[in-house]
Amino acid sequence: MSNPFTLLANLSVDATRIALEYRDVPADQLISGPARVGTAELGQLHGCSIGVWEMSSSVTTDVEVDEFFIVLSGKASVQFADGRPPLELQPGTVGHLAAGTATTWVVTQTLRKIYIA
C-alpha cells in the first residue's frame, strides 16, 4: 500500500506517532480478530522499502517477504509453520524474517514496527 508521505533526506519523523493508512486483513488470513493493518512507507534505500507497519490485536497468517524489523510498541508472537521456536516480540526487539516463511502472528497488544524489506 502506498502512502503520500515520503521522508526526505536530512529530516526525521516520530515513527511512534506517524499517521498510517489502515485496511482490514483479508478474510483468508484471519484466524481471530477483527484485524486491521496500518502502513506508511517512508522511502526507499538501495532497493529496499522502509516504513512503519502496525497490526491490531488479532491472530492472522502470512507468508513473509525478506524483512528486517524493529518493534516500537506492543506485544506479539510470530509462530512458524515449520515448527521452529516462535519469535517473542516487544519494544526493542530486532528481527529478520526470510522470504517464503509461513507464519502465524498472535498480536496481544497492538504491534507497531519499522520494517526494511
C-alpha atoms as a PDB file:
ATOM      1  CA  MET A   1       0.000   0.000   0.000  1.00  0.00           C
ATOM      2  CA  SER A   2       1.433   3.361  -0.915  1.00  0.00           C
ATOM      3  CA  ASN A   3       1.327   6.389   1.313  1.00  0.00           C
ATOM      4  CA  PRO A   4       1.641  10.006   0.153  1.00  0.00           C
ATOM      5  CA  PHE A   5       4.209  10.565   2.907  1.00  0.00           C
ATOM      6  CA  THR A   6       7.892  10.303   1.966  1.00  0.00           C
ATOM      7  CA  LEU A   7      10.683  11.004   4.418  1.00  0.00           C
ATOM      8  CA  LEU A   8      13.007  13.439   2.697  1.00  0.00           C
ATOM      9  CA  ALA A   9      16.787  13.458   3.163  1.00  0.00           C
ATOM     10  CA  ASN A  10      18.129  15.211   6.247  1.00  0.00           C
ATOM     11  CA  LEU A  11      14.749  15.123   8.011  1.00  0.00           C
ATOM     12  CA  SER A  12      13.246  12.875  10.693  1.00  0.00           C
ATOM     13  CA  VAL A  13       9.847  11.673  11.840  1.00  0.00           C
ATOM     14  CA  ASP A  14       8.458  10.162  15.051  1.00  0.00           C
ATOM     15  CA  ALA A  15       7.566   6.651  13.893  1.00  0.00           C
ATOM     16  CA  THR A  16       5.530   6.047  17.051  1.00  0.00           C
ATOM     17  CA  ARG A  17       3.105   8.825  16.052  1.00  0.00           C
ATOM     18  CA  ILE A  18       3.091   8.953  12.249  1.00  0.00           C
ATOM     19  CA  ALA A  19      -0.367   8.569  10.707  1.00  0.00           C
ATOM     20  CA  LEU A  20      -0.891   5.253   8.915  1.00  0.00           C
ATOM     21  CA  GLU A  21      -3.225   4.088   6.157  1.00  0.00           C
ATOM     22  CA  TYR A  22      -5.394   1.245   7.537  1.00  0.00           C
ATOM     23  CA  ARG A  23      -7.067  -1.711   5.877  1.00  0.00           C
ATOM     24  CA  ASP A  24      -8.763  -4.901   7.061  1.00  0.00           C
ATOM     25  CA  VAL A  25      -6.734  -8.108   6.944  1.00  0.00           C
ATOM     26  CA  PRO A  26      -8.091 -10.366   4.156  1.00  0.00           C
ATOM     27  CA  ALA A  27     -10.549 -12.984   5.454  1.00  0.00           C
ATOM     28  CA  ASP A  28      -8.387 -15.883   4.219  1.00  0.00           C
ATOM     29  CA  GLN A  29      -5.565 -14.726   6.562  1.00  0.00           C
ATOM     30  CA  LEU A  30      -7.754 -14.104   9.618  1.00  0.00           C
ATOM     31  CA  ILE A  31      -7.848 -16.698  12.412  1.00  0.00           C
ATOM     32  CA  SER A  32      -9.347 -14.417  15.061  1.00  0.00           C
ATOM     33  CA  GLY A  33      -9.997 -10.760  15.023  1.00  0.00           C
ATOM     34  CA  PRO A  34     -11.109  -8.462  13.535  1.00  0.00           C
ATOM     35  CA  ALA A  35      -7.655  -7.388  12.406  1.00  0.00           C
ATOM     36  CA  ARG A  36      -6.541  -4.106  10.891  1.00  0.00           C
ATOM     37  CA  VAL A  37      -3.138  -3.320   9.436  1.00  0.00           C
ATOM     38  CA  GLY A  38      -1.730   0.176   9.061  1.00  0.00           C
ATOM     39  CA  THR A  39       1.255   1.151   6.931  1.00  0.00           C
ATOM     40  CA  ALA A  40       3.270   4.189   5.955  1.00  0.00           C
ATOM     41  CA  GLU A  41       6.125   3.770   3.528  1.00  0.00           C
ATOM     42  CA  LEU A  42       8.869   6.226   4.453  1.00  0.00           C
ATOM     43  CA  GLY A  43      11.029   5.720   1.378  1.00  0.00           C
ATOM     44  CA  GLN A  44      13.466   3.515  -0.496  1.00  0.00           C
ATOM     45  CA  LEU A  45      17.154   2.884   0.095  1.00  0.00           C
ATOM     46  CA  HIS A  46      19.306   0.728  -2.194  1.00  0.00           C
ATOM     47  CA  GLY A  47      16.242  -1.142  -3.467  1.00  0.00           C
ATOM     48  CA  CYS A  48      14.715  -1.717  -0.020  1.00  0.00           C
ATOM     49  CA  SER A  49      11.391  -0.301   1.174  1.00  0.00           C
ATOM     50  CA  ILE A  50      11.481   1.271   4.622  1.00  0.00           C
ATOM     51  CA  GLY A  51       8.332   2.037   6.529  1.00  0.00           C
ATOM     52  CA  VAL A  52       6.109   1.733   9.571  1.00  0.00           C
ATOM     53  CA  TRP A  53       3.682  -1.203  10.000  1.00  0.00           C
ATOM     54  CA  GLU A  54       1.041  -1.735  12.682  1.00  0.00           C
ATOM     55  CA  MET A  55      -1.418  -4.555  13.448  1.00  0.00           C
ATOM     56  CA  SER A  56      -4.284  -4.597  15.928  1.00  0.00           C
ATOM     57  CA  SER A  57      -4.720  -7.393  18.473  1.00  0.00           C
ATOM     58  CA  SER A  58      -5.618 -10.496  16.480  1.00  0.00           C
ATOM     59  CA  VAL A  59      -4.363 -13.818  15.141  1.00  0.00           C
ATOM     60  CA  THR A  60      -3.502 -13.919  11.431  1.00  0.00           C
ATOM     61  CA  THR A  61      -1.449 -15.936   8.961  1.00  0.00           C
ATOM     62  CA  ASP A  62       1.040 -14.662   6.407  1.00  0.00           C
ATOM     63  CA  VAL A  63       3.786 -15.680   4.015  1.00  0.00           C
ATOM     64  CA  GLU A  64       6.714 -13.387   4.654  1.00  0.00           C
ATOM     65  CA  VAL A  65       8.916 -11.274   2.414  1.00  0.00           C
ATOM     66  CA  ASP A  66      12.616 -10.890   3.266  1.00  0.00           C
ATOM     67  CA  GLU A  67      12.470  -8.279   6.018  1.00  0.00           C
ATOM     68  CA  PHE A  68      14.385  -6.825   8.930  1.00  0.00           C
ATOM     69  CA  PHE A  69      12.283  -5.058  11.572  1.00  0.00           C
ATOM     70  CA  ILE A  70      12.461  -3.175  14.872  1.00  0.00           C
ATOM     71  CA  VAL A  71       9.473  -3.288  17.231  1.00  0.00           C
ATOM     72  CA  LEU A  72       8.442   0.132  18.542  1.00  0.00           C
ATOM     73  CA  SER A  73       5.437  -0.807  20.676  1.00  0.00           C
ATOM     74  CA  GLY A  74       3.083  -3.660  21.530  1.00  0.00           C
ATOM     75  CA  LYS A  75       3.467  -7.391  22.055  1.00  0.00           C
ATOM     76  CA  ALA A  76       3.168 -10.377  19.747  1.00  0.00           C
ATOM     77  CA  SER A  77       4.409 -13.839  18.996  1.00  0.00           C
ATOM     78  CA  VAL A  78       5.340 -14.966  15.489  1.00  0.00           C
ATOM     79  CA  GLN A  79       4.829 -18.710  15.148  1.00  0.00           C
ATOM     80  CA  PHE A  80       6.368 -20.696  12.303  1.00  0.00           C
ATOM     81  CA  ALA A  81       4.544 -23.381  10.310  1.00  0.00           C
ATOM     82  CA  ASP A  82       7.726 -25.484  10.170  1.00  0.00           C
ATOM     83  CA  GLY A  83       7.767 -25.813  13.975  1.00  0.00           C
ATOM     84  CA  ARG A  84      10.823 -23.716  14.809  1.00  0.00           C
ATOM     85  CA  PRO A  85      10.570 -21.749  18.092  1.00  0.00           C
ATOM     86  CA  PRO A  86       8.393 -18.623  17.906  1.00  0.00           C
ATOM     87  CA  LEU A  87       9.721 -15.075  17.997  1.00  0.00           C
ATOM     88  CA  GLU A  88       8.509 -13.150  21.045  1.00  0.00           C
ATOM     89  CA  LEU A  89       8.152  -9.501  20.079  1.00  0.00           C
ATOM     90  CA  GLN A  90       8.132  -6.461  22.367  1.00  0.00           C
ATOM     91  CA  PRO A  91       9.509  -2.908  22.166  1.00  0.00           C
ATOM     92  CA  GLY A  92      13.171  -3.028  21.201  1.00  0.00           C
ATOM     93  CA  THR A  93      13.053  -6.443  19.502  1.00  0.00           C
ATOM     94  CA  VAL A  94      15.022  -6.584  16.247  1.00  0.00           C
ATOM     95  CA  GLY A  95      14.174  -9.447  13.913  1.00  0.00           C
ATOM     96  CA  HIS A  96      14.675 -10.908  10.453  1.00  0.00           C
ATOM     97  CA  LEU A  97      12.043 -12.866   8.547  1.00  0.00           C
ATOM     98  CA  ALA A  98      13.017 -14.868   5.470  1.00  0.00           C
ATOM     99  CA  ALA A  99      11.020 -14.671   2.243  1.00  0.00           C
ATOM    100  CA  GLY A 100       8.533 -17.513   1.811  1.00  0.00           C
ATOM    101  CA  THR A 101       8.278 -18.364   5.525  1.00  0.00           C
ATOM    102  CA  ALA A 102       4.719 -19.319   6.558  1.00  0.00           C
ATOM    103  CA  THR A 103       3.835 -17.600   9.844  1.00  0.00           C
ATOM    104  CA  THR A 104       1.032 -17.057  12.316  1.00  0.00           C
ATOM    105  CA  TRP A 105       1.033 -13.681  14.072  1.00  0.00           C
ATOM    106  CA  VAL A 106      -0.515 -13.683  17.557  1.00  0.00           C
ATOM    107  CA  VAL A 107      -0.758  -9.993  18.446  1.00  0.00           C
ATOM    108  CA  THR A 108      -1.769  -9.473  22.091  1.00  0.00           C
ATOM    109  CA  GLN A 109      -1.172  -5.676  22.158  1.00  0.00           C
ATOM    110  CA  THR A 110      -1.322  -3.537  19.016  1.00  0.00           C
ATOM    111  CA  LEU A 111       2.113  -4.008  17.440  1.00  0.00           C
ATOM    112  CA  ARG A 112       3.991  -1.217  15.643  1.00  0.00           C
ATOM    113  CA  LYS A 113       7.323  -1.774  13.927  1.00  0.00           C
ATOM    114  CA  ILE A 114       9.759  -0.243  11.478  1.00  0.00           C
ATOM    115  CA  TYR A 115      10.415  -2.543   8.528  1.00  0.00           C
ATOM    116  CA  ILE A 116      13.174  -2.749   5.938  1.00  0.00           C
ATOM    117  CA  ALA A 117      12.159  -5.091   3.124  1.00  0.00           C
END
